[in-house]
Amino acid sequence: MADVAHEAGVSVASVSNFLNKQPYMSESMAARIAEAIDRLGYKVNSSARNLRSGRTRLLKLVIPDLRQVYFSELAEDILAEARQHGYGVIVESTTNNRARELESIASMGTHSADGLILSPLMMTVDDIAALDGDYPLVLLGERLFGVNAPHVVIRNREGAAAATYHLLDAGCRRIAVVGAVPHPEHDFSSGSIRTHGYREALAARGIPVFCQVGVGRFGVSFSPCERRVSGRFGVGRSCWLLVIALVIA
């Protein structure tokens, strides 16, 4: 760094500010430093810089299943945004396993990353103490309400109910849901929450549940109604969980 400072005719502190993208530097000084770096072929020793600063410039993203389109696209977006800010991202897939979720959180104690973005699926309120760490935390999804951390949620119940009400208001009475969870009271996934919204909307209007087609990792057996819906709309067992309201003629 001293060589760059000498070549550019500036102080070492100015070079450090340039490399760390500090504001309030004149354009002419920044240009001189950039030119000196190019002439000397200077490369930043990221490991040494991180060691001195106590920062890794890495974030950890922990998600339930990277094979699901939603989570793979989410990971891509987070990677792109982190890259814009000079951060890398460690992506871990817990494969819907509570022990792996807890292991991923515990590893933050080794300062392997500067912050954690966690989308828990199997953890319960009894596991909240595991999140008590000295690192920035952002939670995604419907689990663990009440944790003292920023929490990003999707209004799955309200969205499914709104879709169901829309069809009811259009005069539909036999509304099937594809991607339903057969026993939502025992499951806490997004599909389960959407199924609750669907059922609640029907109950509010006094309409019986017509058909729930379960697809995906739950391995639900297909009833005659389910076979009719899946055959008509091309829904197979490989579909990932997504609640879609359909009208059956």
Protein backbone atom coordinates (compact mmCIF):
# COMPACT_ATOMS: atom_id res chain seq x y z
CA MET A 1 0.00 0.00 0.00
CA ALA A 2 2.93 2.32 0.74
CA ASP A 3 4.19 1.80 -2.83
CA VAL A 4 0.82 2.87 -4.21
CA ALA A 5 0.81 5.95 -1.97
CA HIS A 6 4.30 6.91 -3.16
CA GLU A 7 3.42 6.34 -6.82
CA ALA A 8 0.23 8.42 -6.54
CA GLY A 9 1.82 11.12 -4.39
CA VAL A 10 -0.72 10.72 -1.60
CA SER A 11 -0.72 9.41 1.96
CA VAL A 12 -1.14 5.76 2.90
CA ALA A 13 -4.33 6.75 4.70
CA SER A 14 -5.74 8.13 1.43
CA VAL A 15 -4.99 4.85 -0.36
CA SER A 16 -6.68 2.95 2.48
CA ASN A 17 -9.74 5.20 2.21
CA PHE A 18 -9.86 4.61 -1.55
CA LEU A 19 -9.64 0.82 -1.20
CA ASN A 20 -12.34 0.82 1.47
CA LYS A 21 -14.60 3.02 -0.67
CA GLN A 22 -14.74 5.80 1.88
CA PRO A 23 -16.67 8.93 0.82
CA TYR A 24 -15.45 12.51 0.62
CA MET A 25 -12.47 11.88 -1.66
CA SER A 26 -11.90 14.21 -4.58
CA GLU A 27 -12.26 12.74 -8.05
CA SER A 28 -8.73 13.80 -8.98
CA MET A 29 -7.18 12.02 -5.99
CA ALA A 30 -9.25 8.89 -6.60
CA ALA A 31 -8.13 8.90 -10.23
CA ARG A 32 -4.42 9.21 -9.26
CA ILE A 33 -4.72 6.31 -6.83
CA ALA A 34 -6.56 4.13 -9.35
CA GLU A 35 -3.90 4.84 -11.99
CA ALA A 36 -1.10 4.03 -9.54
CA ILE A 37 -2.78 0.73 -8.66
CA ASP A 38 -3.03 -0.17 -12.35
CA ARG A 39 0.60 0.76 -13.06
CA LEU A 40 1.93 -1.23 -10.12
CA GLY A 41 -0.46 -4.15 -10.55
CA TYR A 42 -1.34 -3.85 -6.89
CA LYS A 43 -3.66 -6.54 -5.49
CA VAL A 44 -5.48 -6.19 -2.20
CA ASN A 45 -4.69 -8.92 0.33
CA SER A 46 -8.26 -9.55 1.41
CA SER A 47 -7.33 -12.08 4.08
CA ALA A 48 -4.92 -9.68 5.78
CA ARG A 49 -7.39 -6.81 5.54
CA ASN A 50 -10.19 -8.90 7.01
CA LEU A 51 -7.90 -10.10 9.80
CA ARG A 52 -7.03 -6.53 10.74
CA SER A 53 -10.62 -5.32 10.61
CA GLY A 54 -12.16 -8.38 12.25
CA ARG A 55 -14.61 -8.64 9.35
CA THR A 56 -14.95 -11.43 6.80
CA ARG A 57 -16.96 -9.54 4.15
CA LEU A 58 -19.13 -12.65 4.04
CA LEU A 59 -22.80 -13.21 4.85
CA LYS A 60 -24.39 -16.57 5.58
CA LEU A 61 -27.73 -17.49 3.99
CA VAL A 62 -29.43 -20.52 5.53
CA ILE A 63 -32.48 -21.84 3.64
CA PRO A 64 -34.57 -25.03 3.89
CA ASP A 65 -34.19 -26.44 0.38
CA LEU A 66 -32.09 -25.05 -2.46
CA ARG A 67 -33.89 -27.32 -4.93
CA GLN A 68 -37.09 -25.31 -4.56
CA VAL A 69 -37.38 -22.59 -7.17
CA TYR A 70 -38.37 -19.96 -4.63
CA PHE A 71 -35.24 -20.48 -2.52
CA SER A 72 -32.86 -20.81 -5.47
CA GLU A 73 -34.12 -17.53 -6.92
CA LEU A 74 -33.97 -15.91 -3.48
CA ALA A 75 -30.35 -17.00 -3.14
CA GLU A 76 -29.48 -15.56 -6.56
CA ASP A 77 -31.03 -12.20 -5.63
CA ILE A 78 -29.21 -12.06 -2.30
CA LEU A 79 -25.91 -12.99 -3.97
CA ALA A 80 -26.36 -10.22 -6.52
CA GLU A 81 -27.25 -7.60 -3.91
CA ALA A 82 -24.37 -8.60 -1.62
CA ARG A 83 -21.96 -8.42 -4.55
CA GLN A 84 -23.02 -4.82 -5.13
CA HIS A 85 -21.81 -4.02 -1.61
CA GLY A 86 -18.56 -5.96 -1.80
CA TYR A 87 -19.79 -9.00 0.15
CA GLY A 88 -19.78 -12.69 -0.64
CA VAL A 89 -22.46 -15.12 0.53
CA ILE A 90 -22.15 -18.61 2.03
CA VAL A 91 -25.30 -20.52 1.11
CA GLU A 92 -26.35 -23.48 3.25
CA SER A 93 -29.33 -25.74 2.59
CA THR A 94 -30.64 -27.50 5.68
CA THR A 95 -32.86 -29.93 3.71
CA ASN A 96 -35.73 -29.22 6.11
CA ASN A 97 -33.74 -30.57 9.05
CA ARG A 98 -33.96 -28.93 12.48
CA ALA A 99 -30.54 -30.16 13.65
CA ARG A 100 -28.88 -28.66 10.57
CA GLU A 101 -30.67 -25.36 11.12
CA LEU A 102 -29.27 -25.24 14.66
CA GLU A 103 -25.78 -26.26 13.47
CA SER A 104 -25.76 -23.45 10.92
CA ILE A 105 -26.63 -20.95 13.62
CA ALA A 106 -24.05 -22.36 16.05
CA SER A 107 -21.28 -21.98 13.46
CA MET A 108 -21.79 -18.21 13.59
CA GLY A 109 -20.00 -18.36 16.94
CA THR A 110 -16.75 -18.99 15.06
CA HIS A 111 -17.17 -15.66 13.24
CA SER A 112 -17.33 -17.43 9.89
CA ALA A 113 -19.53 -14.63 8.55
CA ASP A 114 -20.44 -11.06 9.44
CA GLY A 115 -24.18 -11.65 9.47
CA LEU A 116 -26.86 -14.32 9.13
CA ILE A 117 -29.95 -14.44 6.91
CA LEU A 118 -32.02 -17.34 8.20
CA SER A 119 -35.15 -18.94 6.78
CA PRO A 120 -36.07 -21.56 9.41
CA LEU A 121 -38.65 -24.22 8.70
CA MET A 122 -38.29 -26.81 11.45
CA MET A 123 -37.13 -24.71 14.40
CA THR A 124 -39.62 -23.99 17.18
CA VAL A 125 -40.05 -21.25 19.76
CA ASP A 126 -37.97 -23.40 22.12
CA ASP A 127 -34.97 -22.78 19.86
CA ILE A 128 -35.12 -18.99 20.09
CA ALA A 129 -32.23 -18.91 22.58
CA ALA A 130 -29.95 -20.32 19.86
CA LEU A 131 -30.35 -17.04 17.96
CA ASP A 132 -28.91 -14.97 20.80
CA GLY A 133 -25.57 -13.99 19.24
CA ASP A 134 -23.39 -10.95 18.68
CA TYR A 135 -24.00 -10.80 14.92
CA PRO A 136 -26.62 -9.12 12.71
CA LEU A 137 -29.59 -11.41 12.04
CA VAL A 138 -32.46 -11.22 9.56
CA LEU A 139 -35.23 -13.82 9.64
CA LEU A 140 -37.25 -14.90 6.61
CA GLY A 141 -40.52 -16.78 6.55
CA GLU A 142 -43.31 -17.55 8.96
CA ARG A 143 -41.49 -19.22 11.85
CA LEU A 144 -40.31 -17.85 15.18
CA PHE A 145 -42.43 -14.74 15.60
CA GLY A 146 -41.38 -12.58 18.51
CA VAL A 147 -37.64 -12.85 17.94
CA ASN A 148 -35.85 -9.54 18.49
CA ALA A 149 -34.56 -9.25 14.92
CA PRO A 150 -35.78 -7.90 11.56
CA HIS A 151 -38.27 -10.40 10.18
CA VAL A 152 -39.38 -10.51 6.53
CA VAL A 153 -42.63 -12.38 5.96
CA ILE A 154 -45.02 -13.04 3.11
CA ARG A 155 -48.71 -12.67 3.87
CA ASN A 156 -49.48 -16.21 2.73
CA ARG A 157 -52.71 -16.66 4.68
CA GLU A 158 -54.13 -13.32 3.56
CA GLY A 159 -53.04 -13.88 -0.05
CA ALA A 160 -54.67 -17.31 -0.32
CA ALA A 161 -57.83 -16.01 1.33
CA ALA A 162 -57.95 -13.04 -1.06
CA ALA A 163 -57.59 -15.36 -4.08
CA THR A 164 -60.38 -17.56 -2.74
CA TYR A 165 -62.66 -14.59 -2.05
CA HIS A 166 -62.02 -13.33 -5.58
CA LEU A 167 -63.31 -16.58 -7.06
CA LEU A 168 -66.25 -16.68 -4.66
CA ASP A 169 -67.19 -13.13 -5.62
CA ALA A 170 -67.05 -14.21 -9.27
CA GLY A 171 -69.73 -16.81 -8.54
CA CYS A 172 -67.52 -19.87 -8.19
CA ARG A 173 -68.55 -22.41 -5.59
CA ARG A 174 -66.40 -25.46 -6.34
CA ILE A 175 -62.86 -24.20 -5.81
CA ALA A 176 -59.94 -26.62 -5.66
CA VAL A 177 -56.54 -25.80 -4.26
CA VAL A 178 -53.41 -27.31 -5.79
CA GLY A 179 -50.44 -27.63 -3.47
CA ALA A 180 -52.52 -28.02 -0.34
CA VAL A 181 -51.11 -29.48 2.85
CA PRO A 182 -53.40 -32.33 3.98
CA HIS A 183 -53.12 -31.56 7.71
CA PRO A 184 -52.09 -27.89 8.00
CA GLU A 185 -52.56 -27.91 11.76
CA HIS A 186 -49.47 -30.14 11.99
CA ASP A 187 -47.31 -28.28 9.52
CA PHE A 188 -45.80 -24.80 9.47
CA SER A 189 -44.73 -24.43 5.86
CA SER A 190 -45.89 -21.69 3.52
CA GLY A 191 -48.19 -24.21 1.81
CA SER A 192 -49.81 -24.97 5.15
CA ILE A 193 -50.42 -21.30 5.90
CA ARG A 194 -51.92 -20.77 2.44
CA THR A 195 -54.16 -23.79 2.95
CA HIS A 196 -55.44 -22.21 6.16
CA GLY A 197 -56.27 -19.03 4.24
CA TYR A 198 -58.17 -20.99 1.60
CA ARG A 199 -60.17 -22.89 4.21
CA GLU A 200 -60.92 -19.81 6.26
CA ALA A 201 -62.29 -17.92 3.25
CA LEU A 202 -64.60 -20.81 2.36
CA ALA A 203 -65.76 -21.16 5.97
CA ALA A 204 -66.50 -17.44 6.21
CA ARG A 205 -68.89 -17.77 3.27
CA GLY A 206 -70.35 -21.08 4.41
CA ILE A 207 -68.88 -22.94 1.44
CA PRO A 208 -67.54 -26.49 1.96
CA VAL A 209 -64.02 -27.44 0.94
CA PHE A 210 -64.34 -28.91 -2.54
CA CYS A 211 -60.96 -30.43 -3.33
CA GLN A 212 -57.41 -30.15 -2.02
CA VAL A 213 -54.67 -31.58 -4.20
CA GLY A 214 -51.46 -32.28 -2.33
CA VAL A 215 -48.31 -32.38 -4.43
CA GLY A 216 -44.59 -32.34 -3.79
CA ARG A 217 -42.51 -33.67 -0.95
CA PHE A 218 -45.49 -34.62 1.22
CA GLY A 219 -46.31 -37.60 -1.02
CA VAL A 220 -50.08 -37.23 -0.67
CA SER A 221 -52.18 -39.98 -2.25
CA PHE A 222 -54.41 -38.80 -5.08
CA SER A 223 -58.15 -39.16 -4.54
CA PRO A 224 -60.53 -39.30 -7.55
CA CYS A 225 -60.99 -35.54 -7.18
CA GLU A 226 -57.23 -35.04 -7.05
CA ARG A 227 -56.67 -37.24 -10.11
CA ARG A 228 -59.30 -35.22 -11.98
CA VAL A 229 -57.64 -31.92 -11.14
CA SER A 230 -54.08 -33.12 -11.68
CA GLY A 231 -55.01 -34.70 -15.00
CA ARG A 232 -56.79 -31.61 -16.26
CA PHE A 233 -54.09 -29.13 -15.27
CA GLY A 234 -51.03 -31.31 -15.69
CA VAL A 235 -50.02 -31.24 -12.03
CA GLY A 236 -47.57 -33.96 -11.10
CA ARG A 237 -45.95 -35.15 -7.90
CA SER A 238 -42.77 -33.26 -8.73
CA CYS A 239 -44.45 -29.87 -8.31
CA TRP A 240 -43.20 -27.76 -5.41
CA LEU A 241 -45.66 -26.41 -2.89
CA LEU A 242 -47.71 -23.53 -4.19
CA VAL A 243 -51.34 -22.88 -3.49
CA ILE A 244 -53.29 -22.03 -6.64
CA ALA A 245 -57.06 -21.52 -6.65
CA LEU A 246 -58.78 -23.26 -9.57
CA VAL A 247 -62.36 -23.51 -10.76
CA ILE A 248 -63.54 -27.00 -11.61
CA ALA A 249 -66.25 -27.10 -14.26
